[in-house]
Amino acid sequence: MDSRYLRSLIAVADSGSIADAARAEGLTAAAVSQRIQALERELGFELLSRAGHAAKATEACIALLPRARRIVSEVALLAGDADDEGLTGTLRIGAISTALTGMLPGVLQTLTRQAPGVRPVIVPGTSRSLHQALLAGEIDAAILVRPPFELPRTLHARLLRQEELILLARRRLRGDAAALLQAQPYIRYDPSAWGGRPAQRYLDDQGLRPTLLCDLDALETIAMLVADGVGVSLVPHWNGIEKLAAGCRMEPLEGAGGGLYRRDIILLTPAQGARPNMLRLLAEAIPAG
């Protein structure tokens, strides 16, 4: 059985679409379909139920997916087994969007320069989804917002940045944070997102009830909307915000000291991962602070 076929099956099951899986795999939809059909012939049962453009995993497929994921993961480790230093093979790094555009480009340059045999694969996602992917063994490391709960001992967290909450508003607008939040439409960093909780906590503590325009779990989009004069927002001061928010005020909030209104960005890795030397180099490549 070809592990590449299993990888394609996993991609279809995760995306719910042969076309989406094909794009992710860099293949044609026909090639992915042929791989699935070959697996179905070999296993003797259907793996997907197809309806229009959607492809849903059958009950039998769902039952074998955990083992298929383990097989694909073990195959990916083979190249590294022949390397005494453990610096050959794929390293799957999950990252939230602000890390993708902020710290990760420089990190990847450093990592690949120090270990040319490492092939980083970047997996974008929310903090919640990346945390779940790491627990499931689908990625090897994640750069995300620290979860609002105690981490299990099976995971190791390293603090990378502490991003203080700031007011983001067009520079031409007059008034302090409280006045602007009351007078202008409020673009809210989604409070259900881990990184959005400090902003909501600040509003609650200050007794502020701004006029809500919309909720977004996309800081780059929030910054661009504020820069276009759509409204104001409370966001963490992440690395790279200046490029998106030209012409905007980025003011620390009065009474927001003591670290109560910030998000912590961490590197989360398994306490005992399959690629310890790669993970060590990754951690060393990320500048803290």
Protein backbone atom coordinates (compact mmCIF):
# COMPACT_ATOMS: atom_id res chain seq x y z
CA MET A 1 0.00 0.00 0.00
CA ASP A 2 1.40 3.37 -1.05
CA SER A 3 1.54 5.84 1.85
CA ARG A 4 1.03 8.68 -0.64
CA TYR A 5 -2.42 7.28 -1.35
CA LEU A 6 -3.19 7.32 2.37
CA ARG A 7 -2.03 10.93 2.53
CA SER A 8 -4.45 11.83 -0.25
CA LEU A 9 -7.27 10.02 1.55
CA ILE A 10 -6.55 11.97 4.73
CA ALA A 11 -6.54 15.23 2.77
CA VAL A 12 -9.96 14.44 1.27
CA ALA A 13 -11.41 13.37 4.62
CA ASP A 14 -10.15 16.56 6.29
CA SER A 15 -11.26 18.96 3.57
CA GLY A 16 -14.47 17.21 2.52
CA SER A 17 -13.63 17.79 -1.13
CA ILE A 18 -11.51 15.97 -3.70
CA ALA A 19 -10.81 19.26 -5.48
CA ASP A 20 -9.60 20.95 -2.25
CA ALA A 21 -7.45 17.93 -1.39
CA ALA A 22 -5.96 17.96 -4.88
CA ARG A 23 -4.98 21.62 -4.53
CA ALA A 24 -3.39 20.94 -1.13
CA GLU A 25 -1.49 17.95 -2.53
CA GLY A 26 -0.44 19.68 -5.74
CA LEU A 27 -2.24 17.05 -7.84
CA THR A 28 -5.16 16.95 -10.22
CA ALA A 29 -8.58 15.95 -8.91
CA ALA A 30 -8.49 12.95 -11.25
CA ALA A 31 -5.20 11.76 -9.73
CA VAL A 32 -6.59 11.98 -6.19
CA SER A 33 -9.75 10.12 -7.24
CA GLN A 34 -7.63 7.37 -8.79
CA ARG A 35 -5.64 7.03 -5.57
CA ILE A 36 -8.83 6.69 -3.50
CA GLN A 37 -10.24 4.13 -5.92
CA ALA A 38 -7.01 2.10 -5.72
CA LEU A 39 -7.27 2.06 -1.93
CA GLU A 40 -10.93 1.01 -2.11
CA ARG A 41 -10.03 -1.91 -4.42
CA GLU A 42 -7.21 -3.00 -2.14
CA LEU A 43 -9.24 -2.72 1.07
CA GLY A 44 -12.48 -4.04 -0.39
CA PHE A 45 -14.86 -1.35 0.84
CA GLU A 46 -15.88 2.22 0.06
CA LEU A 47 -13.94 5.01 1.71
CA LEU A 48 -15.88 8.03 0.48
CA SER A 49 -19.51 8.85 -0.19
CA ARG A 50 -19.73 11.42 -2.97
CA ALA A 51 -22.50 13.97 -3.40
CA GLY A 52 -21.89 16.69 -6.00
CA HIS A 53 -18.55 18.35 -5.27
CA ALA A 54 -18.45 17.05 -1.69
CA ALA A 55 -16.76 13.86 -0.56
CA LYS A 56 -17.57 12.56 2.91
CA ALA A 57 -15.65 9.84 4.71
CA THR A 58 -17.65 6.66 5.24
CA GLU A 59 -17.91 5.04 8.67
CA ALA A 60 -15.30 2.49 7.60
CA CYS A 61 -12.97 5.30 6.49
CA ILE A 62 -13.41 7.15 9.79
CA ALA A 63 -12.47 3.97 11.64
CA LEU A 64 -9.16 3.58 9.79
CA LEU A 65 -8.13 7.26 9.68
CA PRO A 66 -6.24 7.25 13.04
CA ARG A 67 -4.03 4.37 11.90
CA ALA A 68 -3.61 5.95 8.45
CA ARG A 69 -2.42 9.17 10.08
CA ARG A 70 0.10 7.23 12.17
CA ILE A 71 1.39 5.37 9.11
CA VAL A 72 1.86 8.59 7.13
CA SER A 73 3.57 10.20 10.11
CA GLU A 74 5.94 7.23 10.56
CA VAL A 75 6.83 7.21 6.87
CA ALA A 76 7.69 10.90 7.08
CA LEU A 77 10.19 10.05 9.84
CA LEU A 78 12.10 7.45 7.81
CA ALA A 79 14.52 9.90 6.18
CA GLY A 80 15.52 11.25 9.56
CA ASP A 81 16.26 7.79 10.95
CA ALA A 82 19.34 7.53 8.72
CA ASP A 83 20.61 10.91 9.95
CA ASP A 84 22.55 10.61 13.22
CA GLU A 85 21.82 14.26 13.99
CA GLY A 86 18.09 13.88 13.35
CA LEU A 87 18.02 16.94 11.08
CA THR A 88 16.64 15.41 7.90
CA GLY A 89 12.99 15.21 6.97
CA THR A 90 9.74 17.10 7.27
CA LEU A 91 8.92 19.43 10.17
CA ARG A 92 5.26 20.44 10.31
CA ILE A 93 4.90 23.86 11.93
CA GLY A 94 1.48 25.29 12.74
CA ALA A 95 1.19 29.06 13.02
CA ILE A 96 -1.48 31.68 13.59
CA SER A 97 -1.81 34.31 10.88
CA THR A 98 0.14 37.09 12.60
CA ALA A 99 3.06 34.72 13.18
CA LEU A 100 2.97 33.72 9.50
CA THR A 101 3.59 37.28 8.37
CA GLY A 102 5.53 38.51 11.41
CA MET A 103 8.15 36.20 12.89
CA LEU A 104 7.99 33.07 10.73
CA PRO A 105 9.74 34.26 7.52
CA GLY A 106 12.96 35.06 9.38
CA VAL A 107 12.68 31.89 11.45
CA LEU A 108 12.43 29.72 8.33
CA GLN A 109 15.48 31.36 6.80
CA THR A 110 17.51 30.68 9.95
CA LEU A 111 16.23 27.13 10.33
CA THR A 112 16.89 26.05 6.73
CA ARG A 113 20.31 27.72 6.74
CA GLN A 114 21.37 25.81 9.87
CA ALA A 115 19.76 22.53 8.83
CA PRO A 116 19.47 22.23 5.02
CA GLY A 117 18.02 18.74 5.36
CA VAL A 118 14.93 20.00 7.18
CA ARG A 119 11.86 20.59 5.03
CA PRO A 120 9.43 22.86 6.89
CA VAL A 121 5.75 22.46 6.10
CA ILE A 122 3.66 25.39 7.33
CA VAL A 123 0.12 24.73 8.55
CA PRO A 124 -1.95 27.89 9.11
CA GLY A 125 -4.80 27.89 11.60
CA THR A 126 -6.39 29.40 14.68
CA SER A 127 -4.85 28.84 18.09
CA ARG A 128 -7.63 26.44 19.01
CA SER A 129 -7.31 24.34 15.84
CA LEU A 130 -3.51 24.22 16.05
CA HIS A 131 -3.63 23.11 19.68
CA GLN A 132 -5.96 20.26 18.68
CA ALA A 133 -3.76 19.36 15.70
CA LEU A 134 -0.70 19.15 17.95
CA LEU A 135 -2.50 16.89 20.43
CA ALA A 136 -3.59 14.67 17.52
CA GLY A 137 -0.01 14.42 16.21
CA GLU A 138 -0.93 16.13 12.95
CA ILE A 139 1.77 18.80 13.40
CA ASP A 140 5.11 18.82 15.23
CA ALA A 141 5.02 22.34 16.70
CA ALA A 142 2.71 25.32 16.87
CA ILE A 143 3.10 29.07 17.31
CA LEU A 144 -0.14 30.23 18.90
CA VAL A 145 -1.82 32.21 21.66
CA ARG A 146 -1.41 30.62 25.07
CA PRO A 147 -4.58 28.66 25.86
CA PRO A 148 -6.83 29.96 28.67
CA PHE A 149 -6.40 26.68 30.55
CA GLU A 150 -3.59 24.64 32.04
CA LEU A 151 -1.61 22.72 29.46
CA PRO A 152 -1.12 18.96 29.86
CA ARG A 153 2.31 17.71 30.88
CA THR A 154 2.66 16.07 27.49
CA LEU A 155 3.18 19.53 25.96
CA HIS A 156 5.96 22.06 26.48
CA ALA A 157 5.39 25.81 26.09
CA ARG A 158 8.03 28.45 25.50
CA LEU A 159 7.04 32.10 25.75
CA LEU A 160 7.93 34.02 22.59
CA ARG A 161 6.18 37.39 22.88
CA GLN A 162 3.86 39.31 25.17
CA GLU A 163 1.61 41.52 23.07
CA GLU A 164 -0.06 44.33 25.02
CA LEU A 165 -3.55 45.47 24.14
CA ILE A 166 -3.73 48.79 22.26
CA LEU A 167 -6.35 51.09 20.83
CA LEU A 168 -6.31 51.09 17.04
CA ALA A 169 -7.96 54.11 15.40
CA ARG A 170 -7.44 56.52 12.53
CA ARG A 171 -4.92 59.19 13.49
CA ARG A 172 -7.29 62.01 12.57
CA LEU A 173 -9.83 60.95 15.21
CA ARG A 174 -9.69 62.99 18.43
CA GLY A 175 -10.30 61.85 21.97
CA ASP A 176 -9.05 59.23 24.40
CA ALA A 177 -9.70 55.50 24.13
CA ALA A 178 -12.91 55.56 26.15
CA ALA A 179 -14.37 58.41 24.10
CA LEU A 180 -13.50 56.82 20.77
CA LEU A 181 -14.81 53.41 21.78
CA GLN A 182 -18.12 55.00 22.73
CA ALA A 183 -18.39 57.25 19.69
CA GLN A 184 -17.09 55.07 16.83
CA PRO A 185 -18.28 51.74 15.40
CA TYR A 186 -16.39 48.96 17.19
CA ILE A 187 -14.72 46.16 15.22
CA ARG A 188 -14.37 43.47 17.84
CA TYR A 189 -11.59 40.92 17.97
CA ASP A 190 -13.81 37.88 18.41
CA PRO A 191 -14.04 37.25 22.18
CA SER A 192 -14.52 33.51 21.59
CA ALA A 193 -10.97 33.40 20.17
CA TRP A 194 -8.25 32.91 22.77
CA GLY A 195 -6.49 36.10 21.72
CA GLY A 196 -9.71 38.13 21.78
CA ARG A 197 -10.47 37.63 25.46
CA PRO A 198 -8.19 40.40 26.86
CA ALA A 199 -10.00 43.05 24.79
CA GLN A 200 -13.40 41.95 26.06
CA ARG A 201 -12.05 41.80 29.61
CA TYR A 202 -10.80 45.38 29.31
CA LEU A 203 -14.18 46.62 28.09
CA ASP A 204 -15.97 44.81 30.92
CA ASP A 205 -13.55 46.14 33.56
CA GLN A 206 -13.89 49.69 32.28
CA GLY A 207 -17.66 49.46 31.96
CA LEU A 208 -17.54 50.33 28.25
CA ARG A 209 -20.26 49.24 25.84
CA PRO A 210 -19.22 50.30 22.33
CA THR A 211 -21.53 50.00 19.34
CA LEU A 212 -20.56 46.68 17.79
CA LEU A 213 -20.02 46.66 14.04
CA CYS A 214 -18.80 43.07 13.65
CA ASP A 215 -16.77 40.24 15.19
CA LEU A 216 -13.61 39.05 13.45
CA ASP A 217 -10.96 36.49 14.31
CA ALA A 218 -8.64 38.00 11.70
CA LEU A 219 -6.34 40.71 13.03
CA GLU A 220 -4.97 41.68 9.64
CA THR A 221 -8.49 42.32 8.38
CA ILE A 222 -9.32 44.35 11.48
CA ALA A 223 -6.23 46.51 10.95
CA MET A 224 -7.12 47.16 7.32
CA LEU A 225 -10.71 48.06 8.18
CA VAL A 226 -9.56 50.53 10.82
CA ALA A 227 -7.04 52.01 8.38
CA ASP A 228 -9.90 52.52 5.92
CA GLY A 229 -11.85 54.44 8.55
CA VAL A 230 -14.56 51.80 9.07
CA GLY A 231 -14.28 51.86 12.86
CA VAL A 232 -11.96 51.44 15.85
CA SER A 233 -10.72 48.34 17.65
CA LEU A 234 -8.78 46.91 20.57
CA VAL A 235 -6.04 44.58 19.36
CA PRO A 236 -2.73 43.13 20.57
CA HIS A 237 0.37 44.96 19.37
CA TRP A 238 1.69 42.20 17.15
CA ASN A 239 4.85 42.27 15.07
CA GLY A 240 3.84 43.58 11.66
CA ILE A 241 0.78 45.66 12.53
CA GLU A 242 2.51 48.85 11.39
CA LYS A 243 2.58 47.64 7.78
CA LEU A 244 -1.19 47.22 7.72
CA ALA A 245 -2.31 50.13 9.85
CA ALA A 246 -0.58 53.09 8.19
CA GLY A 247 -2.18 56.34 9.29
CA CYS A 248 -3.51 54.82 12.50
CA ARG A 249 -3.02 55.57 16.17
CA MET A 250 -1.65 52.65 18.17
CA GLU A 251 -2.01 53.73 21.78
CA PRO A 252 -1.40 51.77 24.97
CA LEU A 253 -4.49 51.76 27.14
CA GLU A 254 -4.63 53.75 30.36
CA GLY A 255 -5.12 51.45 33.29
CA ALA A 256 -4.14 48.40 31.26
CA GLY A 257 -0.92 47.65 33.15
CA GLY A 258 -0.04 44.58 35.15
CA GLY A 259 -0.25 42.19 32.21
CA LEU A 260 -4.01 41.72 32.53
CA TYR A 261 -4.75 42.83 28.98
CA ARG A 262 -2.31 41.10 26.71
CA ARG A 263 -1.97 37.87 24.79
CA ASP A 264 1.05 35.60 25.19
CA ILE A 265 2.45 34.02 22.03
CA ILE A 266 4.06 30.66 22.71
CA LEU A 267 5.86 27.90 20.88
CA LEU A 268 4.05 24.69 21.78
CA THR A 269 5.77 21.35 21.23
CA PRO A 270 5.37 17.79 22.51
CA ALA A 271 7.36 17.22 25.69
CA GLN A 272 8.80 14.12 24.02
CA GLY A 273 8.52 14.65 20.28
CA ALA A 274 9.70 12.44 17.45
CA ARG A 275 11.99 15.19 16.14
CA PRO A 276 13.76 16.60 19.22
CA ASN A 277 16.76 18.08 17.39
CA MET A 278 14.59 19.76 14.78
CA LEU A 279 12.37 21.21 17.49
CA ARG A 280 15.41 22.43 19.41
CA LEU A 281 16.72 24.25 16.33
CA LEU A 282 13.27 25.69 15.66
CA ALA A 283 13.08 27.07 19.19
CA GLU A 284 16.57 28.57 18.89
CA ALA A 285 15.66 30.19 15.56
CA ILE A 286 12.74 32.12 17.06
CA PRO A 287 13.83 35.39 18.70
CA ALA A 288 12.05 35.82 22.02
CA GLY A 289 10.71 39.18 23.14
